[in-house]
Every structure is written in structure tokens, then in C-alpha cells.
PDB file of N, CA and C in Angstrom:
ATOM      1  N   MET A   1      -4.134  -1.984   2.349  1.00  0.00           N
ATOM      2  CA  MET A   1      -4.034  -0.178   2.339  1.00  0.00           C
ATOM      3  C   MET A   1      -3.355   0.229   1.088  1.00  0.00           C
ATOM      4  N   LYS A   2      -4.276   1.212   0.488  1.00  0.00           N
ATOM      5  CA  LYS A   2      -3.700   1.826  -0.792  1.00  0.00           C
ATOM      6  C   LYS A   2      -4.429   3.326  -0.618  1.00  0.00           C
ATOM      7  N   ARG A   3      -3.766   3.624  -2.008  1.00  0.00           N
ATOM      8  CA  ARG A   3      -3.930   5.123  -2.118  1.00  0.00           C
ATOM      9  C   ARG A   3      -5.036   5.616  -1.993  1.00  0.00           C
ATOM     10  N   SER A   4      -5.462   6.786  -1.882  1.00  0.00           N
ATOM     11  CA  SER A   4      -6.640   7.720  -1.679  1.00  0.00           C
ATOM     12  C   SER A   4      -7.431   6.711  -0.066  1.00  0.00           C
ATOM     13  N   GLU A   5      -7.235   5.958   0.372  1.00  0.00           N
ATOM     14  CA  GLU A   5      -8.075   5.484   1.283  1.00  0.00           C
ATOM     15  C   GLU A   5      -7.982   6.089   2.145  1.00  0.00           C
ATOM     16  N   VAL A   6      -8.787   6.313   3.036  1.00  0.00           N
ATOM     17  CA  VAL A   6      -9.053   7.223   4.784  1.00  0.00           C
ATOM     18  C   VAL A   6      -9.011   5.835   5.257  1.00  0.00           C
ATOM     19  N   TRP A   7      -8.330   5.775   6.633  1.00  0.00           N
ATOM     20  CA  TRP A   7      -7.937   5.444   7.626  1.00  0.00           C
ATOM     21  C   TRP A   7      -7.853   5.912   8.766  1.00  0.00           C
ATOM     22  N   LEU A   8      -8.376   5.221  10.226  1.00  0.00           N
ATOM     23  CA  LEU A   8      -8.409   5.775  11.143  1.00  0.00           C
ATOM     24  C   LEU A   8      -6.604   5.270  12.187  1.00  0.00           C
ATOM     25  N   VAL A   9      -6.039   6.258  12.137  1.00  0.00           N
ATOM     26  CA  VAL A   9      -4.470   6.434  12.660  1.00  0.00           C
ATOM     27  C   VAL A   9      -4.138   6.587  13.807  1.00  0.00           C
ATOM     28  N   ASP A  10      -3.021   6.050  14.472  1.00  0.00           N
ATOM     29  CA  ASP A  10      -2.946   6.441  15.879  1.00  0.00           C
ATOM     30  C   ASP A  10      -1.509   7.264  15.448  1.00  0.00           C
ATOM     31  N   PHE A  11      -1.664   8.454  15.962  1.00  0.00           N
ATOM     32  CA  PHE A  11      -0.336   9.371  15.682  1.00  0.00           C
ATOM     33  C   PHE A  11       0.355   9.737  17.061  1.00  0.00           C
ATOM     34  N   ALA A  12      -0.385   9.495  18.053  1.00  0.00           N
ATOM     35  CA  ALA A  12       0.588   9.512  19.576  1.00  0.00           C
ATOM     36  C   ALA A  12       1.772   8.418  19.369  1.00  0.00           C
ATOM     37  N   PRO A  13       2.965   8.718  20.447  1.00  0.00           N
ATOM     38  CA  PRO A  13       3.168   9.862  20.852  1.00  0.00           C
ATOM     39  C   PRO A  13       3.323  11.327  19.394  1.00  0.00           C
ATOM     40  N   GLN A  14       3.396  12.140  19.947  1.00  0.00           N
ATOM     41  CA  GLN A  14       3.927  13.504  19.480  1.00  0.00           C
ATOM     42  C   GLN A  14       4.907  14.155  19.738  1.00  0.00           C
ATOM     43  N   PHE A  15       5.513  14.980  19.319  1.00  0.00           N
ATOM     44  CA  PHE A  15       6.666  15.772  19.478  1.00  0.00           C
ATOM     45  C   PHE A  15       6.163  17.334  19.339  1.00  0.00           C
ATOM     46  N   GLY A  16       6.610  18.264  20.144  1.00  0.00           N
ATOM     47  CA  GLY A  16       5.946  19.755  19.277  1.00  0.00           C
ATOM     48  C   GLY A  16       4.337  19.842  19.310  1.00  0.00           C
ATOM     49  N   THR A  17       4.502  20.359  18.024  1.00  0.00           N
ATOM     50  CA  THR A  17       3.244  20.875  17.410  1.00  0.00           C
ATOM     51  C   THR A  17       2.696  19.948  16.301  1.00  0.00           C
ATOM     52  N   GLU A  18       3.590  18.498  16.523  1.00  0.00           N
ATOM     53  CA  GLU A  18       2.867  17.765  15.634  1.00  0.00           C
ATOM     54  C   GLU A  18       1.428  17.193  15.954  1.00  0.00           C
ATOM     55  N   ILE A  19       0.866  16.745  14.837  1.00  0.00           N
ATOM     56  CA  ILE A  19      -0.293  16.538  14.947  1.00  0.00           C
ATOM     57  C   ILE A  19      -0.213  14.993  16.194  1.00  0.00           C
ATOM     58  N   THR A  20      -1.664  15.015  16.794  1.00  0.00           N
ATOM     59  CA  THR A  20      -1.511  14.082  17.657  1.00  0.00           C
ATOM     60  C   THR A  20      -3.000  13.365  18.051  1.00  0.00           C
ATOM     61  N   LYS A  21      -2.999  12.158  18.487  1.00  0.00           N
ATOM     62  CA  LYS A  21      -4.562  11.492  18.395  1.00  0.00           C
ATOM     63  C   LYS A  21      -4.576  10.538  17.662  1.00  0.00           C
ATOM     64  N   GLN A  22      -5.732   9.586  17.864  1.00  0.00           N
ATOM     65  CA  GLN A  22      -6.027   9.048  16.874  1.00  0.00           C
ATOM     66  C   GLN A  22      -7.200   9.457  16.033  1.00  0.00           C
ATOM     67  N   ARG A  23      -6.581  10.104  14.504  1.00  0.00           N
ATOM     68  CA  ARG A  23      -7.658  10.739  13.606  1.00  0.00           C
ATOM     69  C   ARG A  23      -7.393  10.162  12.382  1.00  0.00           C
ATOM     70  N   PRO A  24      -8.394  10.358  11.632  1.00  0.00           N
ATOM     71  CA  PRO A  24      -8.279   9.924   9.996  1.00  0.00           C
ATOM     72  C   PRO A  24      -7.453  10.249   9.349  1.00  0.00           C
ATOM     73  N   ALA A  25      -6.809   9.808   8.240  1.00  0.00           N
ATOM     74  CA  ALA A  25      -5.927  10.534   7.421  1.00  0.00           C
ATOM     75  C   ALA A  25      -5.961   9.375   6.077  1.00  0.00           C
ATOM     76  N   VAL A  26      -5.450  10.187   4.770  1.00  0.00           N
ATOM     77  CA  VAL A  26      -5.613   9.680   3.611  1.00  0.00           C
ATOM     78  C   VAL A  26      -4.082   9.192   3.513  1.00  0.00           C
ATOM     79  N   ILE A  27      -4.153   7.944   2.899  1.00  0.00           N
ATOM     80  CA  ILE A  27      -3.082   7.683   1.939  1.00  0.00           C
ATOM     81  C   ILE A  27      -2.549   7.983   1.159  1.00  0.00           C
ATOM     82  N   VAL A  28      -1.298   9.010   0.995  1.00  0.00           N
ATOM     83  CA  VAL A  28      -1.006   9.171  -0.467  1.00  0.00           C
ATOM     84  C   VAL A  28       0.174   8.619  -0.818  1.00  0.00           C
ATOM     85  N   SER A  29       0.644   7.698  -0.118  1.00  0.00           N
ATOM     86  CA  SER A  29       1.908   6.881  -0.942  1.00  0.00           C
ATOM     87  C   SER A  29       1.524   6.321  -2.302  1.00  0.00           C
ATOM     88  N   ALA A  30       2.642   5.695  -3.210  1.00  0.00           N
ATOM     89  CA  ALA A  30       2.216   5.317  -4.581  1.00  0.00           C
ATOM     90  C   ALA A  30       1.705   3.687  -4.055  1.00  0.00           C
ATOM     91  N   ASN A  31       0.861   3.195  -4.897  1.00  0.00           N
ATOM     92  CA  ASN A  31       0.868   1.768  -4.381  1.00  0.00           C
ATOM     93  C   ASN A  31       1.908   0.949  -4.873  1.00  0.00           C
ATOM     94  N   GLY A  32       2.868   1.008  -5.770  1.00  0.00           N
ATOM     95  CA  GLY A  32       3.933   0.574  -6.008  1.00  0.00           C
ATOM     96  C   GLY A  32       4.603   0.445  -4.445  1.00  0.00           C
ATOM     97  N   LEU A  33       4.877   1.229  -3.355  1.00  0.00           N
ATOM     98  CA  LEU A  33       5.263   0.837  -2.201  1.00  0.00           C
ATOM     99  C   LEU A  33       4.921   0.248  -1.368  1.00  0.00           C
ATOM    100  N   ALA A  34       4.128  -0.870  -2.196  1.00  0.00           N
ATOM    101  CA  ALA A  34       2.974  -1.936  -0.814  1.00  0.00           C
ATOM    102  C   ALA A  34       4.252  -2.620  -0.007  1.00  0.00           C
ATOM    103  N   ALA A  35       5.584  -3.204  -0.765  1.00  0.00           N
ATOM    104  CA  ALA A  35       6.054  -3.966  -0.204  1.00  0.00           C
ATOM    105  C   ALA A  35       6.834  -3.447   1.210  1.00  0.00           C
ATOM    106  N   PHE A  36       6.596  -2.179   1.473  1.00  0.00           N
ATOM    107  CA  PHE A  36       7.058  -1.407   2.649  1.00  0.00           C
ATOM    108  C   PHE A  36       6.324  -1.278   3.845  1.00  0.00           C
ATOM    109  N   PRO A  37       7.018  -1.696   5.159  1.00  0.00           N
ATOM    110  CA  PRO A  37       6.112  -1.738   6.253  1.00  0.00           C
ATOM    111  C   PRO A  37       5.522  -0.454   6.319  1.00  0.00           C
ATOM    112  N   THR A  38       5.585   0.773   5.417  1.00  0.00           N
ATOM    113  CA  THR A  38       5.098   2.368   5.932  1.00  0.00           C
ATOM    114  C   THR A  38       4.367   2.767   5.045  1.00  0.00           C
ATOM    115  N   ARG A  39       3.469   3.307   5.160  1.00  0.00           N
ATOM    116  CA  ARG A  39       2.651   4.576   4.067  1.00  0.00           C
ATOM    117  C   ARG A  39       3.192   5.782   4.595  1.00  0.00           C
ATOM    118  N   ILE A  40       2.570   6.646   3.296  1.00  0.00           N
ATOM    119  CA  ILE A  40       2.636   8.033   3.814  1.00  0.00           C
ATOM    120  C   ILE A  40       1.397   8.430   3.958  1.00  0.00           C
ATOM    121  N   VAL A  41       1.047   9.093   4.765  1.00  0.00           N
ATOM    122  CA  VAL A  41      -0.557  10.024   4.929  1.00  0.00           C
ATOM    123  C   VAL A  41      -0.311  11.275   5.351  1.00  0.00           C
ATOM    124  N   VAL A  42      -1.520  12.076   4.728  1.00  0.00           N
ATOM    125  CA  VAL A  42      -2.004  13.162   5.292  1.00  0.00           C
ATOM    126  C   VAL A  42      -3.086  13.103   6.134  1.00  0.00           C
ATOM    127  N   PRO A  43      -2.766  13.680   7.154  1.00  0.00           N
ATOM    128  CA  PRO A  43      -3.940  13.439   8.605  1.00  0.00           C
ATOM    129  C   PRO A  43      -4.983  14.207   8.346  1.00  0.00           C
ATOM    130  N   PHE A  44      -6.113  14.117   9.063  1.00  0.00           N
ATOM    131  CA  PHE A  44      -7.325  15.430   8.727  1.00  0.00           C
ATOM    132  C   PHE A  44      -7.461  15.646  10.073  1.00  0.00           C
ATOM    133  N   ARG A  45      -8.177  16.848  10.408  1.00  0.00           N
ATOM    134  CA  ARG A  45      -8.612  17.774  11.408  1.00  0.00           C
ATOM    135  C   ARG A  45      -9.751  18.300  11.430  1.00  0.00           C
ATOM    136  N   ASP A  46     -10.213  18.732  12.474  1.00  0.00           N
ATOM    137  CA  ASP A  46     -11.614  19.296  12.582  1.00  0.00           C
ATOM    138  C   ASP A  46     -11.386  21.009  11.523  1.00  0.00           C
ATOM    139  N   ARG A  47     -12.657  20.704  10.358  1.00  0.00           N
ATOM    140  CA  ARG A  47     -12.548  21.828   9.556  1.00  0.00           C
ATOM    141  C   ARG A  47     -13.130  23.105  10.349  1.00  0.00           C
ATOM    142  N   LYS A  48     -12.357  24.634  10.544  1.00  0.00           N
ATOM    143  CA  LYS A  48     -12.142  25.426  10.989  1.00  0.00           C
ATOM    144  C   LYS A  48     -12.400  26.432   9.978  1.00  0.00           C
ATOM    145  N   PRO A  49     -13.425  27.681  10.544  1.00  0.00           N
ATOM    146  CA  PRO A  49     -13.655  28.811   9.076  1.00  0.00           C
ATOM    147  C   PRO A  49     -12.147  29.112   8.777  1.00  0.00           C
ATOM    148  N   LEU A  50     -11.163  29.365   9.409  1.00  0.00           N
ATOM    149  CA  LEU A  50      -9.875  30.108   9.386  1.00  0.00           C
ATOM    150  C   LEU A  50      -9.099  29.380   7.929  1.00  0.00           C
ATOM    151  N   HIS A  51      -9.638  28.139   7.935  1.00  0.00           N
ATOM    152  CA  HIS A  51      -8.975  26.975   7.184  1.00  0.00           C
ATOM    153  C   HIS A  51      -9.062  27.464   5.737  1.00  0.00           C
ATOM    154  N   SER A  52     -10.308  27.980   5.441  1.00  0.00           N
ATOM    155  CA  SER A  52     -10.347  27.976   4.416  1.00  0.00           C
ATOM    156  C   SER A  52      -9.363  29.181   3.267  1.00  0.00           C
ATOM    157  N   SER A  53      -8.921  29.879   4.288  1.00  0.00           N
ATOM    158  CA  SER A  53      -8.073  31.163   3.440  1.00  0.00           C
ATOM    159  C   SER A  53      -6.462  30.572   3.850  1.00  0.00           C
ATOM    160  N   ILE A  54      -6.429  29.411   3.899  1.00  0.00           N
ATOM    161  CA  ILE A  54      -4.950  28.437   4.112  1.00  0.00           C
ATOM    162  C   ILE A  54      -5.113  27.501   2.874  1.00  0.00           C
ATOM    163  N   ALA A  55      -4.175  27.420   1.868  1.00  0.00           N
ATOM    164  CA  ALA A  55      -4.085  26.687   0.913  1.00  0.00           C
ATOM    165  C   ALA A  55      -3.747  25.082   1.181  1.00  0.00           C
ATOM    166  N   TYR A  56      -3.317  24.931   2.225  1.00  0.00           N
ATOM    167  CA  TYR A  56      -2.746  23.778   2.621  1.00  0.00           C
ATOM    168  C   TYR A  56      -3.345  23.188   3.533  1.00  0.00           C
ATOM    169  N   TYR A  57      -4.801  23.624   3.957  1.00  0.00           N
ATOM    170  CA  TYR A  57      -5.665  23.045   4.633  1.00  0.00           C
ATOM    171  C   TYR A  57      -7.022  22.745   3.767  1.00  0.00           C
ATOM    172  N   VAL A  58      -6.733  21.431   2.982  1.00  0.00           N
ATOM    173  CA  VAL A  58      -7.786  21.278   2.387  1.00  0.00           C
ATOM    174  C   VAL A  58      -8.733  20.574   2.582  1.00  0.00           C
ATOM    175  N   GLY A  59      -9.825  21.589   2.355  1.00  0.00           N
ATOM    176  CA  GLY A  59     -11.450  21.364   2.839  1.00  0.00           C
ATOM    177  C   GLY A  59     -11.919  19.731   2.397  1.00  0.00           C
ATOM    178  N   ILE A  60     -12.399  18.908   3.011  1.00  0.00           N
ATOM    179  CA  ILE A  60     -12.695  17.793   2.724  1.00  0.00           C
ATOM    180  C   ILE A  60     -14.568  17.362   3.719  1.00  0.00           C
ATOM    181  N   GLU A  61     -15.451  17.029   2.884  1.00  0.00           N
ATOM    182  CA  GLU A  61     -16.872  16.969   3.383  1.00  0.00           C
ATOM    183  C   GLU A  61     -17.087  15.700   3.386  1.00  0.00           C
ATOM    184  N   PRO A  62     -17.654  15.421   4.556  1.00  0.00           N
ATOM    185  CA  PRO A  62     -18.232  14.060   5.040  1.00  0.00           C
ATOM    186  C   PRO A  62     -18.909  13.203   3.794  1.00  0.00           C
ATOM    187  N   THR A  63     -18.577  12.040   3.561  1.00  0.00           N
ATOM    188  CA  THR A  63     -19.749  11.459   2.607  1.00  0.00           C
ATOM    189  C   THR A  63     -19.910  10.089   2.991  1.00  0.00           C
ATOM    190  N   SER A  64     -20.706   9.308   2.241  1.00  0.00           N
ATOM    191  CA  SER A  64     -20.865   7.773   2.837  1.00  0.00           C
ATOM    192  C   SER A  64     -19.831   6.976   2.211  1.00  0.00           C
ATOM    193  N   THR A  65     -19.144   7.306   0.954  1.00  0.00           N
ATOM    194  CA  THR A  65     -18.277   6.669   0.923  1.00  0.00           C
ATOM    195  C   THR A  65     -16.211   7.003   1.632  1.00  0.00           C
ATOM    196  N   ASN A  66     -16.148   8.284   2.119  1.00  0.00           N
ATOM    197  CA  ASN A  66     -14.967   8.446   2.369  1.00  0.00           C
ATOM    198  C   ASN A  66     -14.963   8.230   3.916  1.00  0.00           C
ATOM    199  N   GLY A  67     -15.884   7.862   4.670  1.00  0.00           N
ATOM    200  CA  GLY A  67     -15.837   7.825   5.943  1.00  0.00           C
ATOM    201  C   GLY A  67     -15.997   8.887   6.845  1.00  0.00           C
ATOM    202  N   LEU A  68     -15.547   9.868   6.659  1.00  0.00           N
ATOM    203  CA  LEU A  68     -15.601  10.565   7.494  1.00  0.00           C
ATOM    204  C   LEU A  68     -17.044  11.469   8.250  1.00  0.00           C
ATOM    205  N   VAL A  69     -17.070  11.974   9.665  1.00  0.00           N
ATOM    206  CA  VAL A  69     -18.099  12.370   9.959  1.00  0.00           C
ATOM    207  C   VAL A  69     -18.800  13.407  10.046  1.00  0.00           C
ATOM    208  N   LYS A  70     -17.355  14.195  10.384  1.00  0.00           N
ATOM    209  CA  LYS A  70     -17.674  15.736  10.054  1.00  0.00           C
ATOM    210  C   LYS A  70     -17.161  16.488   9.085  1.00  0.00           C
ATOM    211  N   ASN A  71     -17.271  18.039   8.906  1.00  0.00           N
ATOM    212  CA  ASN A  71     -16.085  18.394   8.212  1.00  0.00           C
ATOM    213  C   ASN A  71     -14.948  18.385   8.461  1.00  0.00           C
ATOM    214  N   SER A  72     -14.120  18.179   7.545  1.00  0.00           N
ATOM    215  CA  SER A  72     -12.511  17.918   7.660  1.00  0.00           C
ATOM    216  C   SER A  72     -11.527  18.739   6.821  1.00  0.00           C
ATOM    217  N   SER A  73     -10.176  19.139   7.217  1.00  0.00           N
ATOM    218  CA  SER A  73      -9.368  19.733   6.476  1.00  0.00           C
ATOM    219  C   SER A  73      -8.217  18.647   6.677  1.00  0.00           C
ATOM    220  N   ALA A  74      -7.641  18.212   5.585  1.00  0.00           N
ATOM    221  CA  ALA A  74      -6.432  17.676   5.035  1.00  0.00           C
ATOM    222  C   ALA A  74      -5.207  18.556   5.461  1.00  0.00           C
ATOM    223  N   ASP A  75      -4.911  17.896   6.512  1.00  0.00           N
ATOM    224  CA  ASP A  75      -3.687  18.936   7.076  1.00  0.00           C
ATOM    225  C   ASP A  75      -2.147  18.806   6.057  1.00  0.00           C
ATOM    226  N   CYS A  76      -2.176  19.176   5.084  1.00  0.00           N
ATOM    227  CA  CYS A  76      -0.859  18.939   4.261  1.00  0.00           C
ATOM    228  C   CYS A  76       0.301  18.898   4.259  1.00  0.00           C
ATOM    229  N   VAL A  77       0.273  19.904   5.705  1.00  0.00           N
ATOM    230  CA  VAL A  77       1.547  20.094   6.425  1.00  0.00           C
ATOM    231  C   VAL A  77       2.054  19.012   7.149  1.00  0.00           C
ATOM    232  N   GLN A  78       1.356  18.527   7.777  1.00  0.00           N
ATOM    233  CA  GLN A  78       1.544  17.361   8.861  1.00  0.00           C
ATOM    234  C   GLN A  78       1.813  16.433   8.132  1.00  0.00           C
ATOM    235  N   ILE A  79       2.153  15.942   6.479  1.00  0.00           N
ATOM    236  CA  ILE A  79       2.346  14.849   5.631  1.00  0.00           C
ATOM    237  C   ILE A  79       3.217  13.558   6.589  1.00  0.00           C
ATOM    238  N   LYS A  80       2.870  12.690   6.799  1.00  0.00           N
ATOM    239  CA  LYS A  80       4.268  11.547   7.603  1.00  0.00           C
ATOM    240  C   LYS A  80       3.946  10.420   6.711  1.00  0.00           C
ATOM    241  N   SER A  81       5.278   9.778   7.150  1.00  0.00           N
ATOM    242  CA  SER A  81       5.524   8.128   7.127  1.00  0.00           C
ATOM    243  C   SER A  81       5.058   7.406   7.910  1.00  0.00           C
ATOM    244  N   LEU A  82       4.400   6.732   8.259  1.00  0.00           N
ATOM    245  CA  LEU A  82       3.984   6.161   9.667  1.00  0.00           C
ATOM    246  C   LEU A  82       4.107   4.319   9.412  1.00  0.00           C
ATOM    247  N   ASP A  83       4.564   3.464  10.277  1.00  0.00           N
ATOM    248  CA  ASP A  83       4.176   2.234  10.111  1.00  0.00           C
ATOM    249  C   ASP A  83       2.998   1.688  10.146  1.00  0.00           C
ATOM    250  N   LYS A  84       3.018   0.896   9.557  1.00  0.00           N
ATOM    251  CA  LYS A  84       1.601  -0.097   9.379  1.00  0.00           C
ATOM    252  C   LYS A  84       0.628  -0.544  10.649  1.00  0.00           C
ATOM    253  N   GLN A  85       1.432  -0.342  11.345  1.00  0.00           N
ATOM    254  CA  GLN A  85       0.981  -0.778  13.239  1.00  0.00           C
ATOM    255  C   GLN A  85       0.191   0.165  13.722  1.00  0.00           C
ATOM    256  N   ARG A  86       0.501   1.877  13.034  1.00  0.00           N
ATOM    257  CA  ARG A  86      -0.792   2.922  13.616  1.00  0.00           C
ATOM    258  C   ARG A  86      -1.824   3.142  13.134  1.00  0.00           C
ATOM    259  N   PHE A  87      -2.106   1.865  12.010  1.00  0.00           N
ATOM    260  CA  PHE A  87      -3.571   1.986  11.071  1.00  0.00           C
ATOM    261  C   PHE A  87      -4.172   1.093  11.786  1.00  0.00           C
ATOM    262  N   LEU A  88      -5.507   1.652  12.657  1.00  0.00           N
ATOM    263  CA  LEU A  88      -6.039   1.139  13.244  1.00  0.00           C
ATOM    264  C   LEU A  88      -7.420   0.338  12.075  1.00  0.00           C
ATOM    265  N   ARG A  89      -8.267   1.201  11.567  1.00  0.00           N
ATOM    266  CA  ARG A  89      -9.083   0.711  10.896  1.00  0.00           C
ATOM    267  C   ARG A  89      -9.651   1.291   9.309  1.00  0.00           C
ATOM    268  N   ARG A  90      -9.776   0.797   8.368  1.00  0.00           N
ATOM    269  CA  ARG A  90     -10.273   1.499   7.315  1.00  0.00           C
ATOM    270  C   ARG A  90     -11.331   2.233   7.239  1.00  0.00           C
ATOM    271  N   LEU A  91     -11.955   3.312   7.005  1.00  0.00           N
ATOM    272  CA  LEU A  91     -13.048   3.978   6.938  1.00  0.00           C
ATOM    273  C   LEU A  91     -13.389   4.047   5.732  1.00  0.00           C
ATOM    274  N   GLY A  92     -12.639   4.301   4.465  1.00  0.00           N
ATOM    275  CA  GLY A  92     -13.501   4.774   3.471  1.00  0.00           C
ATOM    276  C   GLY A  92     -12.205   5.160   2.234  1.00  0.00           C
ATOM    277  N   GLU A  93     -12.576   5.929   1.150  1.00  0.00           N
ATOM    278  CA  GLU A  93     -11.788   6.173   0.351  1.00  0.00           C
ATOM    279  C   GLU A  93     -12.420   7.858  -0.277  1.00  0.00           C
ATOM    280  N   LEU A  94     -11.357   8.310  -0.568  1.00  0.00           N
ATOM    281  CA  LEU A  94     -11.408   9.803  -1.294  1.00  0.00           C
ATOM    282  C   LEU A  94     -11.970   9.939  -2.540  1.00  0.00           C
ATOM    283  N   SER A  95     -12.870  10.136  -3.369  1.00  0.00           N
ATOM    284  CA  SER A  95     -13.095  10.376  -4.515  1.00  0.00           C
ATOM    285  C   SER A  95     -11.769  10.997  -5.191  1.00  0.00           C
ATOM    286  N   PRO A  96     -11.695  10.816  -6.355  1.00  0.00           N
ATOM    287  CA  PRO A  96     -10.603  11.022  -7.558  1.00  0.00           C
ATOM    288  C   PRO A  96     -10.803  12.951  -7.240  1.00  0.00           C
ATOM    289  N   LEU A  97     -11.423  13.488  -7.278  1.00  0.00           N
ATOM    290  CA  LEU A  97     -11.357  15.090  -7.020  1.00  0.00           C
ATOM    291  C   LEU A  97     -10.980  15.480  -5.818  1.00  0.00           C
ATOM    292  N   ASP A  98     -11.411  14.964  -4.390  1.00  0.00           N
ATOM    293  CA  ASP A  98     -10.955  14.950  -3.393  1.00  0.00           C
ATOM    294  C   ASP A  98      -9.627  14.753  -3.063  1.00  0.00           C
ATOM    295  N   PHE A  99      -9.102  13.712  -3.528  1.00  0.00           N
ATOM    296  CA  PHE A  99      -7.515  13.364  -3.291  1.00  0.00           C
ATOM    297  C   PHE A  99      -6.745  14.072  -4.216  1.00  0.00           C
ATOM    298  N   GLN A 100      -7.212  14.718  -5.586  1.00  0.00           N
ATOM    299  CA  GLN A 100      -6.435  15.120  -6.580  1.00  0.00           C
ATOM    300  C   GLN A 100      -6.412  16.421  -5.723  1.00  0.00           C
ATOM    301  N   SER A 101      -7.166  17.188  -4.859  1.00  0.00           N
ATOM    302  CA  SER A 101      -7.241  18.232  -4.197  1.00  0.00           C
ATOM    303  C   SER A 101      -6.157  18.247  -2.954  1.00  0.00           C
ATOM    304  N   VAL A 102      -6.061  16.953  -2.496  1.00  0.00           N
ATOM    305  CA  VAL A 102      -4.814  16.988  -1.580  1.00  0.00           C
ATOM    306  C   VAL A 102      -3.823  16.700  -1.987  1.00  0.00           C
ATOM    307  N   LEU A 103      -3.231  16.141  -2.727  1.00  0.00           N
ATOM    308  CA  LEU A 103      -2.206  16.024  -3.608  1.00  0.00           C
ATOM    309  C   LEU A 103      -1.728  17.543  -3.979  1.00  0.00           C
ATOM    310  N   ASP A 104      -2.474  18.202  -4.475  1.00  0.00           N
ATOM    311  CA  ASP A 104      -2.531  19.864  -4.988  1.00  0.00           C
ATOM    312  C   ASP A 104      -1.972  20.415  -3.500  1.00  0.00           C
ATOM    313  N   GLY A 105      -2.496  20.236  -2.408  1.00  0.00           N
ATOM    314  CA  GLY A 105      -2.272  20.707  -1.482  1.00  0.00           C
ATOM    315  C   GLY A 105      -0.695  20.491  -0.531  1.00  0.00           C
ATOM    316  N   ILE A 106      -0.768  18.875  -0.895  1.00  0.00           N
ATOM    317  CA  ILE A 106       0.959  18.841  -0.833  1.00  0.00           C
ATOM    318  C   ILE A 106       1.718  19.569  -1.725  1.00  0.00           C
ATOM    319  N   VAL A 107       1.544  19.534  -3.125  1.00  0.00           N
ATOM    320  CA  VAL A 107       2.702  20.286  -3.857  1.00  0.00           C
ATOM    321  C   VAL A 107       3.029  21.830  -3.240  1.00  0.00           C
ATOM    322  N   LEU A 108       1.571  22.132  -3.033  1.00  0.00           N
ATOM    323  CA  LEU A 108       2.047  24.006  -2.656  1.00  0.00           C
ATOM    324  C   LEU A 108       2.701  23.694  -1.382  1.00  0.00           C
ATOM    325  N   CYS A 109       2.714  22.758  -0.467  1.00  0.00           N
ATOM    326  CA  CYS A 109       3.775  22.649   0.919  1.00  0.00           C
ATOM    327  C   CYS A 109       5.137  22.404   0.157  1.00  0.00           C
ATOM    328  N   VAL A 110       5.407  21.521  -0.565  1.00  0.00           N
ATOM    329  CA  VAL A 110       6.881  20.975  -1.242  1.00  0.00           C
ATOM    330  C   VAL A 110       7.653  21.890  -2.113  1.00  0.00           C
ATOM    331  N   GLY A 111       6.105  22.721  -2.681  1.00  0.00           N
ATOM    332  CA  GLY A 111       7.003  23.466  -3.512  1.00  0.00           C
ATOM    333  C   GLY A 111       7.729  22.969  -4.857  1.00  0.00           C
ATOM    334  N   LEU A 112       6.928  22.069  -5.069  1.00  0.00           N
ATOM    335  CA  LEU A 112       7.278  21.230  -6.762  1.00  0.00           C
ATOM    336  C   LEU A 112       6.455  21.927  -7.627  1.00  0.00           C
TER     337      LEU A 112
END
């Protein structure tokens, strides 16, 4: 499990408006944290037309490399730290450009 990889992750159970169910997510935690039992991820959701006007929904198109099967939005406001037991299987890896776009979306959310 390393940074920029896309994994199928189990987000259930959830509370309130947290993202839920099994869905793809990209690992954003630094590879230097590999000894810890958790990874920081940004989940993907189905891309909707409204998302293009919201900066923290980063559009990612499916490719043979990233393992996504439909147009998706990385939901940077839903960044989470999850135990490795929630990771079901590796799907692929984001391109450097797409991964940087996700990191930029996170920066918008946390105000760095």
C-alpha cells in the first residue's frame, strides 16, 4: 500500500453524512508512514455535472492504469485515516498529474 495507489475500501459503517459503502479511494498518506496500521485516503464518488463547479471535487477519468471504471470525483472534503483492514484490493494507481490534482484539492479544504 503506497501513496497514489487506488484501492477498493470499505467505508461502512458511517455516521451522518460521511461517505459510506465499498468504493475506490486513493492513498494520500506519505510512504514513510508505512509502519503505521492506518492509511490516509480520499474517496471517489460518481462524477456529477455539479461537481465541476466545486473545487474540492477533483475530476478523474477512468484509465487502464488507475483501475476506475467510470468518471469519478475525488471527494477531498471526505479525507480519512482508515485501518488497513478496510482495504479490500488494489485497483491501480493515479497518474502523477491526477495525484497532484487531488493533493491540490486537499489544500483547498484545509487552507494551507
